[in-house]
Amino acid sequence: MENNEIRRNQELKAKEFAHNLTLLNKCKKTYFRIIIAYMFSLIFFPLLSLFLMLGSVFADDTIFLTFESIIVYSLAIYCAWQGAYRKRDLFVLFTGGLAVFNQIILSIFKKYANGEYLKYFKFDSIGYTSRIHLLLLAIILLIAAINMKTNHTFHELETADGYPYFNERFFEQDMDSRQRAIKDPYQQKFDELKQTAADQMTDLTLKSEKLDDHVDNYRNDYMDDV
């Protein structure tokens, strides 16, 4: 009966490891795709702003737009790297927050920007890029949501038995090493008693030596007096 129960537990553990290993591999593939998607989407807007600045012959609106986007999206790229590569949830929120913040800046600046008169027409660079950025913002928020969901799955796997290999052999070796590192409480108490006894014997030996020295000195002084 016990053998059947042990075999059943082993089968359940093997299925659990196989399931977790599949999830872990899926997370790794998803993280790779997330990083690629982050890099393309986050670098797109600064490059677009730079091309608009060159195309508008360094107009004031597009100069501001370019430098603002470079600063904001440099921070967003760093946060995205932390969120997807280092699996830090807070930085995922920062990535989406920076994209939202950039859209707010564009919306505010659009009200005060008059557009630039080029050679033949008036070019509203801020209004044009604000509409494009809305689509980009939706993409970034979608990637951040996938990133957050993947992080949640990955953090659960980190606390599961057998991480990161999810292999029974590695799991048993790890458990054996942990068991060897944990002392039996009775053995630990016995070691403490042995240590205490050894310390007491050392004290007795030192006291005995001091007593012998005292007796020898007393005898020598007595013999000298005689």
Protein backbone atom coordinates (compact mmCIF):
# COMPACT_ATOMS: atom_id res chain seq x y z
CA MET A 1 0.00 0.00 0.00
CA GLU A 2 2.80 2.38 0.92
CA ASN A 3 4.66 1.53 -2.29
CA ASN A 4 1.58 2.40 -4.35
CA GLU A 5 1.25 5.72 -2.56
CA ILE A 6 4.93 6.51 -3.08
CA ARG A 7 4.65 5.62 -6.76
CA ARG A 8 1.54 7.78 -7.11
CA ASN A 9 3.28 10.75 -5.46
CA GLN A 10 6.26 10.31 -7.77
CA GLU A 11 3.97 10.32 -10.81
CA LEU A 12 2.21 13.46 -9.60
CA LYS A 13 5.55 15.17 -8.96
CA ALA A 14 6.79 14.14 -12.42
CA LYS A 15 3.66 15.61 -14.04
CA GLU A 16 4.07 18.80 -12.01
CA PHE A 17 7.69 19.14 -13.09
CA ALA A 18 6.80 18.56 -16.74
CA HIS A 19 4.03 21.15 -16.57
CA ASN A 20 6.26 23.73 -14.84
CA LEU A 21 9.11 23.10 -17.27
CA THR A 22 6.73 23.73 -20.19
CA LEU A 23 5.57 26.98 -18.56
CA LEU A 24 9.16 28.07 -17.92
CA ASN A 25 10.19 27.48 -21.53
CA LYS A 26 7.10 29.35 -22.68
CA CYS A 27 8.02 32.27 -20.41
CA LYS A 28 11.54 32.40 -21.85
CA LYS A 29 10.21 32.52 -25.41
CA THR A 30 7.67 35.18 -24.44
CA TYR A 31 10.36 37.31 -22.79
CA PHE A 32 12.45 37.18 -25.95
CA ARG A 33 9.48 38.39 -28.01
CA ILE A 34 8.61 41.05 -25.44
CA ILE A 35 12.15 42.48 -25.52
CA ILE A 36 12.12 42.60 -29.33
CA ALA A 37 8.67 44.25 -29.34
CA TYR A 38 9.75 46.77 -26.70
CA MET A 39 12.87 47.75 -28.61
CA PHE A 40 11.07 48.31 -31.92
CA SER A 41 8.12 50.19 -30.43
CA LEU A 42 10.13 52.33 -28.00
CA ILE A 43 12.77 53.33 -30.55
CA PHE A 44 10.20 54.16 -33.24
CA PHE A 45 8.91 57.42 -31.79
CA PRO A 46 12.30 59.11 -31.18
CA LEU A 47 13.37 58.14 -34.70
CA LEU A 48 10.13 59.51 -36.13
CA SER A 49 10.67 62.78 -34.25
CA LEU A 50 14.22 63.00 -35.55
CA PHE A 51 13.10 62.50 -39.17
CA LEU A 52 10.40 65.12 -38.72
CA MET A 53 12.97 67.55 -37.33
CA LEU A 54 15.22 67.01 -40.34
CA GLY A 55 12.27 67.25 -42.72
CA SER A 56 11.04 70.51 -41.20
CA VAL A 57 14.49 72.08 -41.45
CA PHE A 58 15.00 72.14 -37.67
CA ALA A 59 11.75 73.89 -36.81
CA ASP A 60 11.27 74.84 -33.16
CA ASP A 61 8.34 72.48 -32.63
CA THR A 62 10.12 69.44 -33.93
CA ILE A 63 13.37 70.28 -32.11
CA PHE A 64 11.44 70.26 -28.83
CA LEU A 65 9.60 67.11 -29.87
CA THR A 66 12.82 65.29 -30.70
CA PHE A 67 14.68 66.07 -27.48
CA GLU A 68 11.61 65.40 -25.34
CA SER A 69 11.02 62.03 -26.96
CA ILE A 70 14.69 61.02 -26.69
CA ILE A 71 14.75 61.76 -22.95
CA VAL A 72 11.42 60.08 -22.15
CA TYR A 73 11.99 57.03 -24.32
CA SER A 74 15.55 56.49 -23.14
CA LEU A 75 14.10 56.10 -19.65
CA ALA A 76 11.33 53.89 -21.05
CA ILE A 77 13.86 51.59 -22.76
CA TYR A 78 15.77 51.20 -19.48
CA CYS A 79 12.56 50.43 -17.58
CA ALA A 80 11.47 47.95 -20.26
CA TRP A 81 14.80 46.15 -20.01
CA GLN A 82 14.43 45.90 -16.24
CA GLY A 83 10.84 44.71 -16.56
CA ALA A 84 11.41 42.06 -19.24
CA TYR A 85 14.99 40.92 -18.61
CA ARG A 86 15.20 41.34 -14.83
CA LYS A 87 11.50 40.50 -14.31
CA ARG A 88 10.80 43.53 -12.12
CA ASP A 89 7.09 44.35 -12.06
CA LEU A 90 7.49 47.95 -10.92
CA PHE A 91 9.57 48.82 -13.98
CA VAL A 92 6.88 47.38 -16.25
CA LEU A 93 4.49 49.93 -14.76
CA PHE A 94 7.10 52.66 -15.25
CA THR A 95 7.42 51.74 -18.94
CA GLY A 96 3.71 52.12 -19.58
CA GLY A 97 3.59 55.22 -17.37
CA LEU A 98 6.32 56.95 -19.36
CA ALA A 99 4.46 56.31 -22.63
CA VAL A 100 1.28 57.75 -21.10
CA PHE A 101 3.27 60.72 -19.77
CA ASN A 102 4.65 61.39 -23.25
CA GLN A 103 1.13 61.40 -24.70
CA ILE A 104 0.05 63.93 -22.06
CA ILE A 105 3.00 66.18 -22.97
CA LEU A 106 2.04 65.97 -26.65
CA SER A 107 -1.60 66.80 -25.89
CA ILE A 108 -0.62 69.85 -23.83
CA PHE A 109 1.98 71.08 -26.28
CA LYS A 110 -0.40 70.61 -29.22
CA LYS A 111 -2.64 73.36 -27.85
CA TYR A 112 0.17 75.91 -27.91
CA ALA A 113 2.05 74.84 -31.03
CA ASN A 114 1.08 76.78 -34.14
CA GLY A 115 2.77 74.49 -36.61
CA GLU A 116 5.62 75.34 -38.93
CA TYR A 117 5.28 76.96 -42.32
CA LEU A 118 7.41 75.09 -44.78
CA LYS A 119 7.99 76.09 -48.34
CA TYR A 120 4.54 75.29 -49.70
CA PHE A 121 2.34 74.27 -46.77
CA LYS A 122 1.87 74.49 -43.03
CA PHE A 123 3.09 71.37 -41.23
CA ASP A 124 1.58 70.62 -37.79
CA SER A 125 4.31 68.29 -36.53
CA ILE A 126 2.99 68.06 -32.97
CA GLY A 127 -0.58 67.23 -33.99
CA TYR A 128 0.63 64.73 -36.57
CA THR A 129 2.93 62.88 -34.21
CA SER A 130 0.37 62.98 -31.38
CA ARG A 131 -2.06 60.94 -33.49
CA ILE A 132 0.66 58.44 -34.40
CA HIS A 133 1.71 58.21 -30.77
CA LEU A 134 -1.80 57.14 -29.73
CA LEU A 135 -1.40 53.97 -31.77
CA LEU A 136 2.12 53.49 -30.41
CA LEU A 137 0.83 54.00 -26.86
CA ALA A 138 -1.76 51.25 -27.31
CA ILE A 139 0.97 48.86 -28.54
CA ILE A 140 3.28 49.67 -25.60
CA LEU A 141 0.49 49.20 -23.04
CA LEU A 142 -0.40 45.85 -24.63
CA ILE A 143 3.23 44.70 -24.42
CA ALA A 144 3.42 45.88 -20.80
CA ALA A 145 0.28 43.90 -19.95
CA ILE A 146 1.78 40.74 -21.49
CA ASN A 147 5.03 41.46 -19.64
CA MET A 148 3.20 41.75 -16.31
CA LYS A 149 1.27 38.51 -16.87
CA THR A 150 4.46 36.66 -17.83
CA ASN A 151 6.25 38.03 -14.76
CA HIS A 152 3.43 36.74 -12.55
CA THR A 153 3.79 33.23 -14.01
CA PHE A 154 7.57 33.35 -13.74
CA HIS A 155 7.51 34.46 -10.07
CA GLU A 156 5.20 31.53 -9.24
CA LEU A 157 7.61 29.14 -10.94
CA GLU A 158 10.50 30.58 -8.93
CA THR A 159 8.82 29.41 -5.70
CA ALA A 160 7.87 25.97 -7.05
CA ASP A 161 9.76 22.77 -6.21
CA GLY A 162 12.55 21.91 -8.64
CA TYR A 163 13.14 25.42 -10.03
CA PRO A 164 14.93 26.13 -12.37
CA TYR A 165 15.53 22.63 -13.80
CA PHE A 166 12.24 20.91 -12.89
CA ASN A 167 14.01 17.58 -13.05
CA GLU A 168 13.45 14.86 -10.45
CA ARG A 169 17.12 13.96 -10.22
CA PHE A 170 18.21 17.55 -9.55
CA PHE A 171 15.32 17.98 -7.11
CA GLU A 172 16.28 14.89 -5.11
CA GLN A 173 19.94 15.97 -5.01
CA ASP A 174 18.92 19.41 -3.78
CA MET A 175 16.67 17.95 -1.08
CA ASP A 176 19.43 15.57 0.04
CA SER A 177 21.90 18.43 0.36
CA ARG A 178 19.37 20.43 2.34
CA GLN A 179 18.72 17.49 4.65
CA ARG A 180 22.43 17.06 5.24
CA ALA A 181 22.69 20.73 6.09
CA ILE A 182 19.87 20.49 8.66
CA LYS A 183 21.04 18.87 11.90
CA ASP A 184 18.78 16.67 13.95
CA PRO A 185 17.68 18.69 17.03
CA TYR A 186 18.84 15.90 19.39
CA GLN A 187 22.19 15.72 17.62
CA GLN A 188 22.51 19.49 17.88
CA LYS A 189 21.74 19.36 21.62
CA PHE A 190 24.26 16.56 22.05
CA ASP A 191 26.94 18.60 20.25
CA GLU A 192 26.22 21.56 22.52
CA LEU A 193 26.54 19.38 25.62
CA LYS A 194 29.82 17.95 24.33
CA GLN A 195 31.14 21.43 23.73
CA THR A 196 30.06 22.54 27.21
CA ALA A 197 31.66 19.47 28.79
CA ALA A 198 34.88 20.07 26.86
CA ASP A 199 34.98 23.68 28.08
CA GLN A 200 34.41 22.55 31.68
CA MET A 201 37.21 19.96 31.43
CA THR A 202 39.52 22.64 30.09
CA ASP A 203 38.68 24.89 33.06
CA LEU A 204 39.29 22.00 35.50
CA THR A 205 42.61 21.20 33.87
CA LEU A 206 43.75 24.84 34.14
CA LYS A 207 42.67 25.01 37.79
CA SER A 208 44.43 21.74 38.54
CA GLU A 209 47.63 23.03 36.96
CA LYS A 210 47.42 26.23 39.01
CA LEU A 211 46.89 24.19 42.20
CA ASP A 212 49.87 21.96 41.44
CA ASP A 213 52.05 25.02 40.85
CA HIS A 214 50.89 26.51 44.13
CA VAL A 215 51.61 23.28 46.05
CA ASP A 216 55.06 22.96 44.46
CA ASN A 217 55.93 26.56 45.31
CA TYR A 218 54.71 26.08 48.88
CA ARG A 219 56.80 22.95 49.32
CA ASN A 220 59.92 24.61 47.95
CA ASP A 221 59.50 27.59 50.30
CA TYR A 222 58.91 25.23 53.24
CA MET A 223 62.00 23.17 52.42
CA ASP A 224 64.10 26.33 52.14
CA ASP A 225 62.97 27.41 55.62
CA VAL A 226 63.85 24.00 57.04
